[in-house]
Amino acid sequence: MEAGDTSRPFLLEADMLSRRELIAGGAAAHMARGDAAAAQRAPDGDNGPELQSIRDVLESIRGQHTVLTTEVIQLRDRQRQFFRLNQRFPECIDVGIRIWEQMQDWHIRHLRPLNINRAGDGRWQMDFILSVIVLKHELPENEVGQPYDR
């Protein structure tokens, strides 16, 4: 290619395939694909135990990332109770420190926005679904208090 020739700027002879190489490459790919399909259909033996162990591992992984934890179930039960009585969700639910920490972990684990702020009375608050969780030091560590409105 000459310095002034710009009619075919990206064509280099080193990158070109001959017609024979092109056809042979296509045939080889076709043959390889056929062999792979035949290998998948041919039984190699009983894979039942291996498949079951893979299924068990997958199920345990799914169980680790479930949205419903015991803390979430407790909070939703309190929201449901309040909803049945008042036809709306509560503004606040008081919790102990361990529930508070587990809910922080829940937000982080499930990539949910974690909004924590301090109320006017100095208590820490965290948004959870349609309510606000309020950290109360007076409550036992694993306690979920009664829902209420301010």
N, C-alpha and C. Protein backbone atom coordinates (compact mmCIF):
# COMPACT_ATOMS: atom_id res chain seq x y z
N MET A 1 0.86 -1.16 0.00
CA MET A 1 0.00 0.00 0.00
C MET A 1 0.90 1.22 0.00
N GLU A 2 0.65 2.11 -0.85
CA GLU A 2 1.47 3.31 -0.96
C GLU A 2 1.01 4.33 0.05
N ALA A 3 1.89 5.32 0.30
CA ALA A 3 1.58 6.34 1.31
C ALA A 3 0.38 7.17 0.91
N GLY A 4 0.18 7.44 -0.36
CA GLY A 4 -0.93 8.28 -0.78
C GLY A 4 -2.20 7.52 -1.08
N ASP A 5 -2.19 6.21 -1.07
CA ASP A 5 -3.36 5.40 -1.40
C ASP A 5 -4.28 5.26 -0.19
N THR A 6 -5.45 5.92 -0.23
CA THR A 6 -6.41 5.86 0.89
C THR A 6 -7.69 5.16 0.50
N SER A 7 -7.71 4.47 -0.65
CA SER A 7 -8.95 3.82 -1.07
C SER A 7 -9.30 2.63 -0.18
N ARG A 8 -8.30 1.94 0.36
CA ARG A 8 -8.53 0.78 1.24
C ARG A 8 -7.59 0.89 2.43
N PRO A 9 -7.89 1.81 3.40
CA PRO A 9 -6.93 2.08 4.47
C PRO A 9 -6.79 0.96 5.50
N PHE A 10 -7.79 0.11 5.67
CA PHE A 10 -7.74 -0.90 6.73
C PHE A 10 -7.40 -2.30 6.21
N LEU A 11 -7.12 -2.43 4.96
CA LEU A 11 -6.85 -3.73 4.38
C LEU A 11 -5.36 -4.01 4.39
N LEU A 12 -4.96 -5.01 5.10
CA LEU A 12 -3.57 -5.43 5.14
C LEU A 12 -3.49 -6.87 4.66
N GLU A 13 -2.45 -7.20 3.92
CA GLU A 13 -2.35 -8.55 3.38
C GLU A 13 -2.16 -9.59 4.48
N ALA A 14 -1.58 -9.25 5.59
CA ALA A 14 -1.35 -10.21 6.66
C ALA A 14 -2.66 -10.65 7.31
N ASP A 15 -3.70 -9.85 7.23
CA ASP A 15 -4.98 -10.17 7.86
C ASP A 15 -5.92 -10.93 6.93
N MET A 16 -5.56 -11.13 5.70
CA MET A 16 -6.45 -11.75 4.72
C MET A 16 -6.38 -13.27 4.84
N LEU A 17 -7.52 -13.92 4.67
CA LEU A 17 -7.61 -15.37 4.60
C LEU A 17 -7.83 -15.77 3.15
N SER A 18 -7.23 -16.88 2.77
CA SER A 18 -7.50 -17.38 1.43
C SER A 18 -8.88 -18.03 1.42
N ARG A 19 -9.41 -18.23 0.25
CA ARG A 19 -10.71 -18.86 0.12
C ARG A 19 -10.70 -20.26 0.74
N ARG A 20 -9.63 -21.00 0.54
CA ARG A 20 -9.49 -22.36 1.06
C ARG A 20 -9.50 -22.35 2.59
N GLU A 21 -8.77 -21.39 3.21
CA GLU A 21 -8.72 -21.30 4.66
C GLU A 21 -10.09 -20.93 5.24
N LEU A 22 -10.79 -20.04 4.54
CA LEU A 22 -12.11 -19.63 4.99
C LEU A 22 -13.10 -20.79 4.97
N ILE A 23 -13.10 -21.56 3.88
CA ILE A 23 -14.02 -22.68 3.76
C ILE A 23 -13.64 -23.79 4.74
N ALA A 24 -12.35 -24.07 4.85
CA ALA A 24 -11.90 -25.12 5.77
C ALA A 24 -12.21 -24.74 7.22
N GLY A 25 -12.06 -23.48 7.57
CA GLY A 25 -12.37 -23.03 8.93
C GLY A 25 -13.85 -23.17 9.23
N GLY A 26 -14.71 -22.85 8.28
CA GLY A 26 -16.15 -23.00 8.46
C GLY A 26 -16.55 -24.46 8.61
N ALA A 27 -15.93 -25.33 7.83
CA ALA A 27 -16.23 -26.75 7.91
C ALA A 27 -15.77 -27.32 9.25
N ALA A 28 -14.59 -26.88 9.71
CA ALA A 28 -14.08 -27.37 10.99
C ALA A 28 -14.99 -26.93 12.14
N ALA A 29 -15.46 -25.69 12.09
CA ALA A 29 -16.37 -25.21 13.13
C ALA A 29 -17.67 -26.00 13.11
N HIS A 30 -18.17 -26.31 11.92
CA HIS A 30 -19.40 -27.09 11.79
C HIS A 30 -19.21 -28.50 12.36
N MET A 31 -18.08 -29.11 12.05
CA MET A 31 -17.80 -30.46 12.56
C MET A 31 -17.65 -30.44 14.08
N ALA A 32 -16.99 -29.43 14.63
CA ALA A 32 -16.79 -29.36 16.07
C ALA A 32 -18.13 -29.19 16.78
N ARG A 33 -19.01 -28.39 16.21
CA ARG A 33 -20.31 -28.18 16.81
C ARG A 33 -21.11 -29.48 16.81
N GLY A 34 -21.02 -30.26 15.76
CA GLY A 34 -21.71 -31.55 15.69
C GLY A 34 -21.17 -32.53 16.71
N ASP A 35 -19.87 -32.56 16.92
CA ASP A 35 -19.28 -33.45 17.91
C ASP A 35 -19.70 -33.06 19.32
N ALA A 36 -19.79 -31.78 19.59
CA ALA A 36 -20.19 -31.32 20.92
C ALA A 36 -21.63 -31.72 21.21
N ALA A 37 -22.50 -31.60 20.20
CA ALA A 37 -23.89 -31.98 20.41
C ALA A 37 -24.01 -33.49 20.65
N ALA A 38 -23.22 -34.28 19.91
CA ALA A 38 -23.26 -35.72 20.11
C ALA A 38 -22.72 -36.09 21.49
N ALA A 39 -21.70 -35.38 21.95
CA ALA A 39 -21.14 -35.67 23.27
C ALA A 39 -22.14 -35.35 24.37
N GLN A 40 -22.95 -34.33 24.18
CA GLN A 40 -23.94 -33.98 25.19
C GLN A 40 -25.05 -35.02 25.25
N ARG A 41 -25.38 -35.63 24.12
CA ARG A 41 -26.44 -36.63 24.09
C ARG A 41 -25.99 -37.98 24.62
N ALA A 42 -24.70 -38.28 24.49
CA ALA A 42 -24.21 -39.59 24.90
C ALA A 42 -24.14 -39.66 26.42
N PRO A 43 -24.71 -40.69 27.02
CA PRO A 43 -24.64 -40.81 28.48
C PRO A 43 -23.24 -41.27 28.92
N ASP A 44 -22.67 -40.57 29.87
CA ASP A 44 -21.36 -40.94 30.40
C ASP A 44 -21.50 -41.78 31.66
N GLY A 45 -22.65 -41.99 32.09
CA GLY A 45 -22.87 -42.72 33.32
C GLY A 45 -23.95 -42.03 34.14
N ASP A 46 -24.09 -42.44 35.36
CA ASP A 46 -25.10 -41.86 36.23
C ASP A 46 -24.56 -40.60 36.89
N ASN A 47 -25.11 -39.44 36.54
CA ASN A 47 -24.68 -38.16 37.12
C ASN A 47 -25.64 -37.69 38.21
N GLY A 48 -26.53 -38.54 38.64
CA GLY A 48 -27.54 -38.15 39.62
C GLY A 48 -26.98 -37.58 40.90
N PRO A 49 -26.01 -38.23 41.55
CA PRO A 49 -25.48 -37.68 42.80
C PRO A 49 -24.80 -36.33 42.61
N GLU A 50 -24.07 -36.18 41.51
CA GLU A 50 -23.41 -34.90 41.25
C GLU A 50 -24.43 -33.79 41.02
N LEU A 51 -25.46 -34.11 40.23
CA LEU A 51 -26.50 -33.11 39.98
C LEU A 51 -27.22 -32.72 41.27
N GLN A 52 -27.48 -33.69 42.11
CA GLN A 52 -28.16 -33.39 43.37
C GLN A 52 -27.29 -32.53 44.27
N SER A 53 -25.98 -32.79 44.31
CA SER A 53 -25.11 -31.96 45.15
C SER A 53 -25.04 -30.53 44.61
N ILE A 54 -25.05 -30.36 43.29
CA ILE A 54 -25.07 -29.01 42.70
C ILE A 54 -26.37 -28.32 43.06
N ARG A 55 -27.49 -29.04 42.98
CA ARG A 55 -28.78 -28.45 43.35
C ARG A 55 -28.81 -28.04 44.82
N ASP A 56 -28.22 -28.87 45.68
CA ASP A 56 -28.17 -28.54 47.11
C ASP A 56 -27.37 -27.27 47.37
N VAL A 57 -26.24 -27.14 46.69
CA VAL A 57 -25.42 -25.94 46.85
C VAL A 57 -26.17 -24.71 46.36
N LEU A 58 -26.83 -24.81 45.21
CA LEU A 58 -27.61 -23.69 44.71
C LEU A 58 -28.72 -23.30 45.67
N GLU A 59 -29.38 -24.28 46.24
CA GLU A 59 -30.47 -24.00 47.18
C GLU A 59 -29.95 -23.32 48.44
N SER A 60 -28.77 -23.74 48.91
CA SER A 60 -28.21 -23.08 50.09
C SER A 60 -27.79 -21.65 49.79
N ILE A 61 -27.31 -21.40 48.58
CA ILE A 61 -26.96 -20.03 48.19
C ILE A 61 -28.22 -19.17 48.12
N ARG A 62 -29.27 -19.70 47.54
CA ARG A 62 -30.53 -18.95 47.48
C ARG A 62 -31.06 -18.66 48.88
N GLY A 63 -30.90 -19.61 49.80
CA GLY A 63 -31.36 -19.42 51.17
C GLY A 63 -30.60 -18.34 51.90
N GLN A 64 -29.34 -18.13 51.56
CA GLN A 64 -28.56 -17.08 52.20
C GLN A 64 -29.00 -15.69 51.79
N HIS A 65 -29.55 -15.58 50.60
CA HIS A 65 -29.92 -14.27 50.08
C HIS A 65 -31.42 -14.05 50.02
N THR A 66 -32.13 -14.72 50.89
CA THR A 66 -33.57 -14.53 50.93
C THR A 66 -33.90 -13.18 51.56
N VAL A 67 -34.94 -12.57 51.09
CA VAL A 67 -35.34 -11.26 51.60
C VAL A 67 -35.99 -11.39 52.97
N LEU A 68 -36.69 -12.47 53.19
CA LEU A 68 -37.41 -12.65 54.45
C LEU A 68 -36.50 -13.24 55.52
N THR A 69 -36.09 -12.41 56.44
CA THR A 69 -35.37 -12.87 57.62
C THR A 69 -36.34 -12.81 58.79
N THR A 70 -35.95 -13.33 59.93
CA THR A 70 -36.85 -13.31 61.08
C THR A 70 -37.17 -11.88 61.51
N GLU A 71 -36.19 -10.97 61.38
CA GLU A 71 -36.43 -9.57 61.75
C GLU A 71 -37.43 -8.91 60.81
N VAL A 72 -37.28 -9.16 59.51
CA VAL A 72 -38.20 -8.59 58.53
C VAL A 72 -39.60 -9.14 58.75
N ILE A 73 -39.70 -10.42 59.04
CA ILE A 73 -41.01 -11.03 59.29
C ILE A 73 -41.66 -10.40 60.52
N GLN A 74 -40.88 -10.18 61.60
CA GLN A 74 -41.43 -9.54 62.80
C GLN A 74 -41.92 -8.13 62.49
N LEU A 75 -41.12 -7.35 61.76
CA LEU A 75 -41.52 -5.98 61.44
C LEU A 75 -42.76 -5.96 60.55
N ARG A 76 -42.81 -6.84 59.58
CA ARG A 76 -43.98 -6.88 58.70
C ARG A 76 -45.22 -7.32 59.46
N ASP A 77 -45.07 -8.25 60.40
CA ASP A 77 -46.22 -8.65 61.23
C ASP A 77 -46.77 -7.47 62.02
N ARG A 78 -45.88 -6.68 62.59
CA ARG A 78 -46.33 -5.48 63.34
C ARG A 78 -47.01 -4.48 62.40
N GLN A 79 -46.47 -4.31 61.19
CA GLN A 79 -47.10 -3.41 60.23
C GLN A 79 -48.49 -3.93 59.85
N ARG A 80 -48.61 -5.24 59.65
CA ARG A 80 -49.88 -5.85 59.29
C ARG A 80 -50.93 -5.67 60.39
N GLN A 81 -50.51 -5.87 61.64
CA GLN A 81 -51.43 -5.68 62.76
C GLN A 81 -51.96 -4.25 62.80
N PHE A 82 -51.06 -3.30 62.65
CA PHE A 82 -51.44 -1.89 62.67
C PHE A 82 -52.36 -1.59 61.48
N PHE A 83 -52.04 -2.15 60.32
CA PHE A 83 -52.83 -1.91 59.12
C PHE A 83 -54.25 -2.43 59.28
N ARG A 84 -54.42 -3.60 59.89
CA ARG A 84 -55.76 -4.15 60.10
C ARG A 84 -56.61 -3.26 61.01
N LEU A 85 -55.97 -2.66 62.01
CA LEU A 85 -56.71 -1.81 62.95
C LEU A 85 -56.97 -0.41 62.41
N ASN A 86 -56.01 0.14 61.64
CA ASN A 86 -56.09 1.55 61.26
C ASN A 86 -56.21 1.81 59.76
N GLN A 87 -56.21 0.77 58.94
CA GLN A 87 -56.31 0.87 57.49
C GLN A 87 -55.17 1.71 56.87
N ARG A 88 -54.03 1.74 57.50
CA ARG A 88 -52.83 2.42 56.98
C ARG A 88 -51.62 1.87 57.71
N PHE A 89 -50.45 2.14 57.16
CA PHE A 89 -49.22 1.66 57.79
C PHE A 89 -48.79 2.59 58.91
N PRO A 90 -48.09 2.07 59.91
CA PRO A 90 -47.64 2.93 61.01
C PRO A 90 -46.49 3.82 60.57
N GLU A 91 -46.37 4.96 61.26
CA GLU A 91 -45.24 5.84 60.98
C GLU A 91 -43.96 5.28 61.59
N CYS A 92 -44.04 4.72 62.79
CA CYS A 92 -42.84 4.29 63.51
C CYS A 92 -43.02 2.92 64.16
N ILE A 93 -41.88 2.23 64.29
CA ILE A 93 -41.81 0.98 65.05
C ILE A 93 -40.50 1.04 65.84
N ASP A 94 -40.58 0.87 67.16
CA ASP A 94 -39.39 0.90 68.00
C ASP A 94 -38.70 -0.47 67.98
N VAL A 95 -37.36 -0.45 67.99
CA VAL A 95 -36.60 -1.70 68.00
C VAL A 95 -35.41 -1.59 68.94
N GLY A 96 -34.89 -2.75 69.35
CA GLY A 96 -33.67 -2.82 70.14
C GLY A 96 -32.44 -2.79 69.23
N ILE A 97 -31.28 -2.72 69.85
CA ILE A 97 -30.03 -2.53 69.11
C ILE A 97 -29.71 -3.69 68.17
N ARG A 98 -29.95 -4.91 68.58
CA ARG A 98 -29.60 -6.05 67.72
C ARG A 98 -30.49 -6.09 66.47
N ILE A 99 -31.77 -5.81 66.61
CA ILE A 99 -32.67 -5.73 65.45
C ILE A 99 -32.23 -4.60 64.55
N TRP A 100 -31.86 -3.47 65.13
CA TRP A 100 -31.37 -2.31 64.37
C TRP A 100 -30.17 -2.71 63.50
N GLU A 101 -29.19 -3.36 64.11
CA GLU A 101 -27.99 -3.77 63.38
C GLU A 101 -28.31 -4.78 62.29
N GLN A 102 -29.20 -5.71 62.59
CA GLN A 102 -29.57 -6.70 61.58
C GLN A 102 -30.32 -6.07 60.41
N MET A 103 -31.08 -5.03 60.68
CA MET A 103 -31.77 -4.33 59.59
C MET A 103 -30.79 -3.50 58.76
N GLN A 104 -29.75 -2.96 59.39
CA GLN A 104 -28.70 -2.29 58.62
C GLN A 104 -28.05 -3.30 57.67
N ASP A 105 -27.71 -4.47 58.20
CA ASP A 105 -27.10 -5.52 57.37
C ASP A 105 -28.03 -5.95 56.25
N TRP A 106 -29.33 -6.02 56.55
CA TRP A 106 -30.32 -6.42 55.54
C TRP A 106 -30.33 -5.43 54.39
N HIS A 107 -30.33 -4.13 54.70
CA HIS A 107 -30.31 -3.11 53.65
C HIS A 107 -29.06 -3.23 52.79
N ILE A 108 -27.93 -3.42 53.42
CA ILE A 108 -26.66 -3.51 52.69
C ILE A 108 -26.62 -4.78 51.85
N ARG A 109 -27.01 -5.90 52.42
CA ARG A 109 -26.97 -7.18 51.72
C ARG A 109 -27.86 -7.18 50.48
N HIS A 110 -29.01 -6.51 50.56
CA HIS A 110 -29.96 -6.51 49.44
C HIS A 110 -29.88 -5.25 48.60
N LEU A 111 -28.81 -4.48 48.81
CA LEU A 111 -28.55 -3.28 48.02
C LEU A 111 -29.72 -2.31 48.03
N ARG A 112 -30.34 -2.19 49.18
CA ARG A 112 -31.44 -1.24 49.36
C ARG A 112 -30.88 0.07 49.87
N PRO A 113 -31.51 1.18 49.56
CA PRO A 113 -31.02 2.46 50.10
C PRO A 113 -31.14 2.48 51.62
N LEU A 114 -30.07 2.86 52.28
CA LEU A 114 -30.03 2.88 53.73
C LEU A 114 -30.10 4.34 54.19
N ASN A 115 -31.27 4.75 54.64
CA ASN A 115 -31.49 6.13 55.10
C ASN A 115 -31.58 6.13 56.61
N ILE A 116 -30.52 6.62 57.24
CA ILE A 116 -30.48 6.73 58.70
C ILE A 116 -30.31 8.19 59.04
N ASN A 117 -31.13 8.67 59.99
CA ASN A 117 -30.98 10.06 60.44
C ASN A 117 -31.38 10.15 61.90
N ARG A 118 -31.17 11.31 62.45
CA ARG A 118 -31.47 11.53 63.87
C ARG A 118 -32.70 12.41 63.98
N ALA A 119 -33.63 11.98 64.81
CA ALA A 119 -34.88 12.73 65.00
C ALA A 119 -34.63 13.92 65.92
N GLY A 120 -35.64 14.75 66.09
CA GLY A 120 -35.53 15.92 66.95
C GLY A 120 -35.30 15.57 68.41
N ASP A 121 -35.75 14.40 68.83
CA ASP A 121 -35.55 13.99 70.23
C ASP A 121 -34.20 13.29 70.43
N GLY A 122 -33.38 13.20 69.38
CA GLY A 122 -32.05 12.61 69.49
C GLY A 122 -31.99 11.12 69.19
N ARG A 123 -33.10 10.50 68.86
CA ARG A 123 -33.11 9.06 68.58
C ARG A 123 -32.78 8.82 67.11
N TRP A 124 -32.10 7.68 66.86
CA TRP A 124 -31.76 7.30 65.49
C TRP A 124 -32.96 6.65 64.82
N GLN A 125 -33.14 6.97 63.53
CA GLN A 125 -34.25 6.43 62.75
C GLN A 125 -33.74 5.86 61.44
N MET A 126 -34.41 4.81 60.96
CA MET A 126 -34.04 4.17 59.69
C MET A 126 -35.33 3.92 58.91
N ASP A 127 -35.33 4.26 57.64
CA ASP A 127 -36.49 3.98 56.79
C ASP A 127 -36.53 2.49 56.47
N PHE A 128 -37.73 1.91 56.59
CA PHE A 128 -37.94 0.51 56.23
C PHE A 128 -39.33 0.38 55.63
N ILE A 129 -39.38 0.05 54.36
CA ILE A 129 -40.60 -0.09 53.59
C ILE A 129 -41.45 1.17 53.77
N LEU A 130 -42.58 1.11 54.45
CA LEU A 130 -43.45 2.29 54.58
C LEU A 130 -43.46 2.85 55.99
N SER A 131 -42.52 2.44 56.82
CA SER A 131 -42.45 2.90 58.20
C SER A 131 -41.02 3.34 58.52
N VAL A 132 -40.87 3.91 59.69
CA VAL A 132 -39.56 4.30 60.19
C VAL A 132 -39.25 3.46 61.42
N ILE A 133 -38.08 2.85 61.42
CA ILE A 133 -37.64 2.07 62.58
C ILE A 133 -36.89 3.03 63.51
N VAL A 134 -37.27 3.04 64.78
CA VAL A 134 -36.65 3.93 65.76
C VAL A 134 -35.84 3.09 66.74
N LEU A 135 -34.57 3.42 66.90
CA LEU A 135 -33.70 2.71 67.83
C LEU A 135 -33.95 3.24 69.24
N LYS A 136 -34.31 2.33 70.14
CA LYS A 136 -34.56 2.71 71.54
C LYS A 136 -33.65 1.89 72.44
N HIS A 137 -32.87 2.57 73.25
CA HIS A 137 -31.94 1.87 74.14
C HIS A 137 -32.67 1.21 75.32
N GLU A 138 -33.91 1.64 75.59
CA GLU A 138 -34.67 1.06 76.69
C GLU A 138 -35.15 -0.36 76.39
N LEU A 139 -35.29 -0.68 75.10
CA LEU A 139 -35.82 -1.99 74.71
C LEU A 139 -34.73 -3.06 74.80
N PRO A 140 -35.12 -4.31 75.08
CA PRO A 140 -34.15 -5.41 74.99
C PRO A 140 -33.58 -5.50 73.57
N GLU A 141 -32.42 -6.10 73.45
CA GLU A 141 -31.69 -6.12 72.17
C GLU A 141 -32.50 -6.69 71.02
N ASN A 142 -33.24 -7.76 71.23
CA ASN A 142 -33.98 -8.42 70.15
C ASN A 142 -35.45 -8.06 70.11
N GLU A 143 -35.82 -6.95 70.71
CA GLU A 143 -37.23 -6.57 70.82
C GLU A 143 -37.68 -5.74 69.62
N VAL A 144 -38.89 -6.05 69.14
CA VAL A 144 -39.58 -5.23 68.15
C VAL A 144 -40.81 -4.69 68.85
N GLY A 145 -40.85 -3.37 69.05
CA GLY A 145 -41.94 -2.75 69.80
C GLY A 145 -43.23 -2.65 69.00
N GLN A 146 -44.24 -2.07 69.63
CA GLN A 146 -45.52 -1.86 69.00
C GLN A 146 -45.44 -0.69 68.01
N PRO A 147 -46.08 -0.80 66.86
CA PRO A 147 -46.10 0.32 65.91
C PRO A 147 -46.99 1.45 66.42
N TYR A 148 -46.66 2.66 65.98
CA TYR A 148 -47.44 3.83 66.43
C TYR A 148 -47.24 4.99 65.44
N ASP A 149 -48.07 6.00 65.61
CA ASP A 149 -47.93 7.27 64.87
C ASP A 149 -47.39 8.30 65.81
N ARG A 150 -46.71 9.28 65.30
CA ARG A 150 -46.11 10.33 66.15
C ARG A 150 -47.16 11.28 66.67
